[in-house]
């Protein structure tokens, strides 16, 4: 429906806002042979509009030689004969403000349709497994995510790691701790450069009261200082959670001064958290007594 004499298309959803100045910057950066642009996407923001999940998205494209594929989580597919020429910028940003009351009920059947249309597509197989997990269909989720890992196209380690983490979550909900731990070990080995599998392992060990293990995995996570720009990153890997877990684990190992220090670090990142405030009061009282 876009006239053929248009040059550039920008696709934006109704719950997204593109920051001012984008048009001028786009025209400055776009070259005659450019076909697509990647730009900043803040998928999740906190109450102060600070990004919690940020990655590149690429829905700015030349008018011709592209089509949309998949019935949900749709992607642009290049159909041109020459080489696709992408450019990347951090100077154009789209912010996502989702409606929390919106129903997700259409996602599952559309993802099932998408996988039926193309059972070799790794991306939507991963999404389908994740959706089954969201619905609490643990066994279906495990089977689908294992199928994702077996696909020849499933080579992106970040996403493979996420599938392994999700399998672990399913086993946790099935009260099968050993299998959950095994899959988190696989996730760490798959992408040791991501914080997420370490934090999930620490969270799992915390539920079992294995506080030395909690501390070990949190400290491994903190060695990773670079927040990679991918949608795979979990907000809890970069918020107060790691310091909260360290505070709890050192508290139960009777190292109260360390516990208080970690609690203070967690509160710096989430100063209005009542549970953290209560924890600090408990630790402080024990130290004073």
Foldseek 3Di string as FASTA:
>chain_A
DDDPPDFKDADDDPQKDKDPPVVVVCVVPDDPQAFKEWEKEQADADPVRHGLAIFIDIRMGTPPQWDWDAPPPIDIDGRDPDDHHYYYDHPIYMYGHDDPVDDPVVVQVSLVVRCVVPVLDLVSLLVNLVVCLVVLVLVVSLVSLVSSVVRPPNDPLLSNLLSLQSNLVSCVVVVNLVSSLVSLVVSCVSCVLALVSLCSNLVSVVVVVVLVSNLVSLVSLVVNDDDHRDNSDDSCSPALNSLQSNLVSVVVVVNLVSSLVSLVVNCVRVVVDVVSVVSNVVSVVVVVD
